[in-house]
């Protein structure tokens, strides 16, 4: 089951500001909607559950992209790899990118 935040974003079809637009809270019994300030109508939790398929796919993709960001070298390091690849005729940068993409494939 996808998290409530991803279900809400799947329903609205856009990113949501969860600090002001829609406030979620967890009092120990699970996450619920504390305040809904979005212009669109609020759905019940049961209605939002119908968006679980898209929400799960979005949440999975977000996890892959987060893992890739953490695995990629800094841009400075990547530029350095590209420079030295050009000087030495190597493929260090391409190999690095290919490994990260292989380690964290989009599914």
N, C-alpha and C. Protein backbone atom coordinates (compact mmCIF):
# COMPACT_ATOMS: atom_id res chain seq x y z
N UNK A 1 0.85 -1.18 0.00
CA UNK A 1 0.00 0.00 0.00
C UNK A 1 0.89 1.24 0.00
N UNK A 2 0.62 2.14 -0.90
CA UNK A 2 1.38 3.39 -0.99
C UNK A 2 1.04 4.29 0.19
N UNK A 3 1.95 5.19 0.50
CA UNK A 3 1.70 6.12 1.59
C UNK A 3 0.59 7.10 1.20
N UNK A 4 -0.04 7.65 2.20
CA UNK A 4 -1.16 8.57 1.99
C UNK A 4 -0.73 9.78 1.17
N UNK A 5 0.47 10.28 1.40
CA UNK A 5 0.93 11.45 0.65
C UNK A 5 0.99 11.15 -0.85
N UNK A 6 1.46 9.98 -1.22
CA UNK A 6 1.52 9.62 -2.64
C UNK A 6 0.13 9.39 -3.21
N UNK A 7 -0.79 8.87 -2.41
CA UNK A 7 -2.17 8.69 -2.88
C UNK A 7 -2.81 10.05 -3.15
N UNK A 8 -2.57 11.01 -2.27
CA UNK A 8 -3.12 12.35 -2.46
C UNK A 8 -2.55 12.98 -3.73
N UNK A 9 -1.24 12.86 -3.93
CA UNK A 9 -0.63 13.43 -5.13
C UNK A 9 -1.13 12.72 -6.40
N UNK A 10 -1.38 11.43 -6.33
CA UNK A 10 -1.93 10.72 -7.48
C UNK A 10 -3.34 11.23 -7.79
N UNK A 11 -4.13 11.45 -6.77
CA UNK A 11 -5.49 11.98 -6.95
C UNK A 11 -5.44 13.38 -7.56
N UNK A 12 -4.58 14.25 -7.01
CA UNK A 12 -4.53 15.64 -7.48
C UNK A 12 -3.77 15.78 -8.79
N UNK A 13 -2.89 14.81 -9.10
CA UNK A 13 -2.13 14.88 -10.33
C UNK A 13 -1.03 15.92 -10.31
N UNK A 14 -0.54 16.24 -9.09
CA UNK A 14 0.51 17.25 -8.96
C UNK A 14 1.21 17.09 -7.62
N UNK A 15 2.33 17.79 -7.46
CA UNK A 15 3.03 17.81 -6.18
C UNK A 15 2.24 18.66 -5.20
N UNK A 16 2.31 18.30 -3.93
CA UNK A 16 1.55 18.99 -2.88
C UNK A 16 2.51 19.52 -1.84
N UNK A 17 2.20 20.70 -1.30
CA UNK A 17 2.96 21.26 -0.18
C UNK A 17 2.31 20.71 1.09
N UNK A 18 2.98 19.73 1.70
CA UNK A 18 2.41 19.07 2.88
C UNK A 18 2.71 19.83 4.17
N UNK A 19 3.23 21.06 4.04
CA UNK A 19 3.43 21.89 5.24
C UNK A 19 2.34 22.93 5.38
N UNK A 20 1.67 23.26 4.26
CA UNK A 20 0.64 24.28 4.35
C UNK A 20 -0.64 23.90 3.61
N UNK A 21 -0.51 23.24 2.47
CA UNK A 21 -1.68 22.95 1.65
C UNK A 21 -2.52 21.80 2.21
N UNK A 22 -1.85 20.71 2.53
CA UNK A 22 -2.51 19.55 3.14
C UNK A 22 -1.62 19.08 4.27
N UNK A 23 -2.17 19.02 5.46
CA UNK A 23 -1.40 18.61 6.62
C UNK A 23 -1.77 17.19 7.00
N UNK A 24 -0.74 16.35 7.12
CA UNK A 24 -0.94 14.97 7.55
C UNK A 24 -0.42 14.82 8.96
N UNK A 25 -1.02 13.91 9.70
CA UNK A 25 -0.58 13.67 11.08
C UNK A 25 -0.67 12.19 11.38
N UNK A 26 0.20 11.75 12.28
CA UNK A 26 0.18 10.36 12.75
C UNK A 26 0.18 10.40 14.26
N UNK A 27 -0.93 10.01 14.85
CA UNK A 27 -1.05 10.02 16.31
C UNK A 27 -0.73 8.66 16.93
N UNK A 28 -0.09 7.80 16.15
CA UNK A 28 0.25 6.47 16.62
C UNK A 28 -0.68 5.40 16.10
N UNK A 29 -1.81 5.80 15.54
CA UNK A 29 -2.76 4.86 14.98
C UNK A 29 -2.78 4.90 13.45
N UNK A 30 -1.79 5.57 12.88
CA UNK A 30 -1.72 5.67 11.43
C UNK A 30 -1.85 7.12 10.98
N UNK A 31 -1.45 7.35 9.75
CA UNK A 31 -1.47 8.70 9.18
C UNK A 31 -2.89 9.05 8.76
N UNK A 32 -3.27 10.30 9.02
CA UNK A 32 -4.58 10.78 8.59
C UNK A 32 -4.44 12.24 8.15
N UNK A 33 -5.48 12.74 7.50
CA UNK A 33 -5.50 14.12 7.03
C UNK A 33 -5.96 15.01 8.18
N UNK A 34 -5.08 15.90 8.63
CA UNK A 34 -5.42 16.82 9.72
C UNK A 34 -6.10 18.08 9.18
N UNK A 35 -5.59 18.59 8.06
CA UNK A 35 -6.18 19.80 7.45
C UNK A 35 -6.03 19.71 5.95
N UNK A 36 -7.08 20.13 5.24
CA UNK A 36 -7.10 20.12 3.78
C UNK A 36 -7.35 21.55 3.33
N UNK A 37 -6.33 22.19 2.80
CA UNK A 37 -6.43 23.57 2.32
C UNK A 37 -6.28 23.66 0.81
N UNK A 38 -6.30 22.53 0.13
CA UNK A 38 -6.17 22.51 -1.33
C UNK A 38 -7.50 22.94 -1.95
N UNK A 39 -7.45 23.53 -3.15
CA UNK A 39 -8.69 23.96 -3.80
C UNK A 39 -9.57 22.80 -4.27
N UNK A 40 -8.96 21.64 -4.48
CA UNK A 40 -9.74 20.48 -4.94
C UNK A 40 -10.51 19.88 -3.75
N UNK A 41 -11.61 19.19 -4.05
CA UNK A 41 -12.38 18.57 -2.97
C UNK A 41 -11.58 17.47 -2.26
N UNK A 42 -11.79 17.37 -0.96
CA UNK A 42 -11.12 16.33 -0.17
C UNK A 42 -11.86 15.01 -0.34
N UNK A 43 -11.08 13.95 -0.53
CA UNK A 43 -11.65 12.61 -0.62
C UNK A 43 -11.45 11.90 0.71
N UNK A 44 -12.25 10.88 0.93
CA UNK A 44 -12.07 10.05 2.12
C UNK A 44 -10.85 9.15 1.92
N UNK A 45 -10.38 8.57 2.99
CA UNK A 45 -9.24 7.64 2.90
C UNK A 45 -9.60 6.48 1.98
N UNK A 46 -10.82 5.99 2.07
CA UNK A 46 -11.26 4.88 1.21
C UNK A 46 -11.23 5.28 -0.26
N UNK A 47 -11.66 6.51 -0.56
CA UNK A 47 -11.63 6.99 -1.95
C UNK A 47 -10.19 7.15 -2.43
N UNK A 48 -9.33 7.64 -1.55
CA UNK A 48 -7.92 7.81 -1.91
C UNK A 48 -7.25 6.47 -2.16
N UNK A 49 -7.71 5.42 -1.49
CA UNK A 49 -7.15 4.08 -1.69
C UNK A 49 -7.29 3.62 -3.14
N UNK A 50 -8.27 4.15 -3.86
CA UNK A 50 -8.44 3.76 -5.26
C UNK A 50 -7.30 4.27 -6.14
N UNK A 51 -6.51 5.21 -5.63
CA UNK A 51 -5.36 5.73 -6.36
C UNK A 51 -4.07 5.00 -5.98
N UNK A 52 -4.20 3.89 -5.27
CA UNK A 52 -3.04 3.18 -4.76
C UNK A 52 -2.10 2.66 -5.85
N UNK A 53 -2.64 2.20 -6.97
CA UNK A 53 -1.79 1.67 -8.05
C UNK A 53 -0.82 2.72 -8.57
N UNK A 54 -1.35 3.88 -8.94
CA UNK A 54 -0.50 4.96 -9.44
C UNK A 54 0.42 5.46 -8.34
N UNK A 55 -0.11 5.58 -7.12
CA UNK A 55 0.68 6.07 -5.99
C UNK A 55 1.85 5.14 -5.70
N UNK A 56 1.63 3.83 -5.76
CA UNK A 56 2.70 2.86 -5.52
C UNK A 56 3.80 2.98 -6.58
N UNK A 57 3.39 3.15 -7.83
CA UNK A 57 4.36 3.31 -8.92
C UNK A 57 5.17 4.60 -8.72
N UNK A 58 4.48 5.69 -8.34
CA UNK A 58 5.17 6.96 -8.11
C UNK A 58 6.13 6.87 -6.94
N UNK A 59 5.71 6.20 -5.87
CA UNK A 59 6.55 6.06 -4.68
C UNK A 59 7.78 5.19 -4.98
N UNK A 60 7.58 4.14 -5.76
CA UNK A 60 8.70 3.28 -6.15
C UNK A 60 9.71 4.05 -6.99
N UNK A 61 9.22 4.80 -7.97
CA UNK A 61 10.10 5.60 -8.82
C UNK A 61 10.86 6.63 -7.99
N UNK A 62 10.19 7.27 -7.04
CA UNK A 62 10.85 8.26 -6.19
C UNK A 62 11.99 7.61 -5.40
N UNK A 63 11.79 6.39 -4.94
CA UNK A 63 12.84 5.67 -4.21
C UNK A 63 14.03 5.36 -5.09
N UNK A 64 13.77 4.96 -6.33
CA UNK A 64 14.85 4.68 -7.27
C UNK A 64 15.64 5.96 -7.55
N UNK A 65 14.94 7.05 -7.80
CA UNK A 65 15.62 8.31 -8.10
C UNK A 65 16.42 8.82 -6.90
N UNK A 66 15.90 8.63 -5.71
CA UNK A 66 16.62 9.03 -4.49
C UNK A 66 17.90 8.19 -4.35
N UNK A 67 17.80 6.90 -4.58
CA UNK A 67 18.97 6.02 -4.50
C UNK A 67 20.01 6.39 -5.54
N UNK A 68 19.55 6.72 -6.75
CA UNK A 68 20.49 7.13 -7.79
C UNK A 68 21.21 8.42 -7.41
N UNK A 69 20.45 9.41 -6.89
CA UNK A 69 21.08 10.68 -6.49
C UNK A 69 22.18 10.44 -5.46
N UNK A 70 21.92 9.53 -4.53
CA UNK A 70 22.90 9.24 -3.49
C UNK A 70 24.11 8.49 -4.05
N UNK A 71 23.91 7.69 -5.09
CA UNK A 71 24.99 6.87 -5.65
C UNK A 71 25.86 7.62 -6.65
N UNK A 72 25.28 8.61 -7.33
CA UNK A 72 26.07 9.36 -8.30
C UNK A 72 27.15 10.16 -7.59
N UNK A 73 28.32 10.24 -8.22
CA UNK A 73 29.37 11.13 -7.74
C UNK A 73 28.89 12.57 -7.90
N UNK A 74 29.53 13.49 -7.21
CA UNK A 74 29.18 14.91 -7.35
C UNK A 74 29.39 15.35 -8.79
N UNK A 75 28.76 16.45 -9.17
CA UNK A 75 28.94 16.95 -10.54
C UNK A 75 30.40 17.29 -10.81
N UNK A 76 31.08 17.85 -9.81
CA UNK A 76 32.50 18.15 -9.99
C UNK A 76 33.30 16.90 -10.30
N UNK A 77 33.03 15.82 -9.57
CA UNK A 77 33.72 14.55 -9.83
C UNK A 77 33.37 14.02 -11.21
N UNK A 78 32.08 14.15 -11.60
CA UNK A 78 31.68 13.67 -12.92
C UNK A 78 32.36 14.46 -14.03
N UNK A 79 32.46 15.78 -13.87
CA UNK A 79 33.16 16.59 -14.87
C UNK A 79 34.62 16.18 -14.96
N UNK A 80 35.22 15.90 -13.82
CA UNK A 80 36.61 15.47 -13.80
C UNK A 80 36.76 14.13 -14.53
N UNK A 81 35.82 13.21 -14.28
CA UNK A 81 35.84 11.92 -14.99
C UNK A 81 35.75 12.15 -16.49
N UNK A 82 34.84 13.04 -16.91
CA UNK A 82 34.67 13.30 -18.34
C UNK A 82 35.94 13.91 -18.95
N UNK A 83 36.56 14.83 -18.22
CA UNK A 83 37.79 15.43 -18.72
C UNK A 83 38.86 14.37 -18.94
N UNK A 84 39.09 13.56 -17.90
CA UNK A 84 40.14 12.55 -18.00
C UNK A 84 39.79 11.45 -19.00
N UNK A 85 38.51 11.16 -19.17
CA UNK A 85 38.11 10.22 -20.22
C UNK A 85 38.50 10.76 -21.59
N UNK A 86 38.29 12.07 -21.79
CA UNK A 86 38.67 12.69 -23.07
C UNK A 86 40.17 12.68 -23.28
N UNK A 87 40.92 12.92 -22.23
CA UNK A 87 42.39 12.95 -22.32
C UNK A 87 42.94 11.54 -22.55
N UNK A 88 42.40 10.57 -21.80
CA UNK A 88 42.96 9.21 -21.82
C UNK A 88 42.24 8.24 -22.75
N UNK A 89 41.12 8.67 -23.33
CA UNK A 89 40.36 7.75 -24.19
C UNK A 89 39.69 6.64 -23.41
N UNK A 90 39.33 6.92 -22.15
CA UNK A 90 38.67 5.91 -21.30
C UNK A 90 37.16 6.18 -21.22
N UNK A 91 36.47 5.32 -20.50
CA UNK A 91 35.01 5.45 -20.35
C UNK A 91 34.60 5.42 -18.88
N UNK A 92 35.43 5.98 -18.02
CA UNK A 92 35.17 5.94 -16.58
C UNK A 92 33.82 6.55 -16.23
N UNK A 93 33.52 7.72 -16.82
CA UNK A 93 32.26 8.39 -16.50
C UNK A 93 31.07 7.57 -17.00
N UNK A 94 31.12 7.09 -18.22
CA UNK A 94 30.04 6.27 -18.76
C UNK A 94 29.85 5.00 -17.93
N UNK A 95 30.94 4.40 -17.52
CA UNK A 95 30.87 3.19 -16.70
C UNK A 95 30.20 3.48 -15.36
N UNK A 96 30.55 4.63 -14.77
CA UNK A 96 29.96 5.02 -13.48
C UNK A 96 28.45 5.19 -13.61
N UNK A 97 28.02 5.94 -14.63
CA UNK A 97 26.60 6.19 -14.85
C UNK A 97 25.87 4.87 -15.13
N UNK A 98 26.45 4.03 -15.96
CA UNK A 98 25.83 2.75 -16.31
C UNK A 98 25.67 1.86 -15.08
N UNK A 99 26.66 1.87 -14.19
CA UNK A 99 26.59 1.06 -12.98
C UNK A 99 25.47 1.53 -12.05
N UNK A 100 25.37 2.84 -11.88
CA UNK A 100 24.31 3.38 -11.01
C UNK A 100 22.94 3.02 -11.59
N UNK A 101 22.77 3.19 -12.89
CA UNK A 101 21.49 2.87 -13.53
C UNK A 101 21.19 1.37 -13.43
N UNK A 102 22.21 0.54 -13.54
CA UNK A 102 22.00 -0.91 -13.42
C UNK A 102 21.69 -1.31 -11.99
N UNK A 103 22.36 -0.66 -11.03
CA UNK A 103 22.13 -0.97 -9.62
C UNK A 103 20.73 -0.53 -9.15
N UNK A 104 20.21 0.54 -9.76
CA UNK A 104 18.91 1.10 -9.35
C UNK A 104 18.03 1.31 -10.59
N UNK A 105 17.55 0.22 -11.18
CA UNK A 105 16.76 0.35 -12.42
C UNK A 105 15.35 0.91 -12.15
N UNK A 106 14.85 1.64 -13.11
CA UNK A 106 13.45 2.09 -13.05
C UNK A 106 12.60 0.88 -13.44
N UNK A 107 11.68 0.53 -12.58
CA UNK A 107 10.83 -0.63 -12.86
C UNK A 107 9.39 -0.23 -13.05
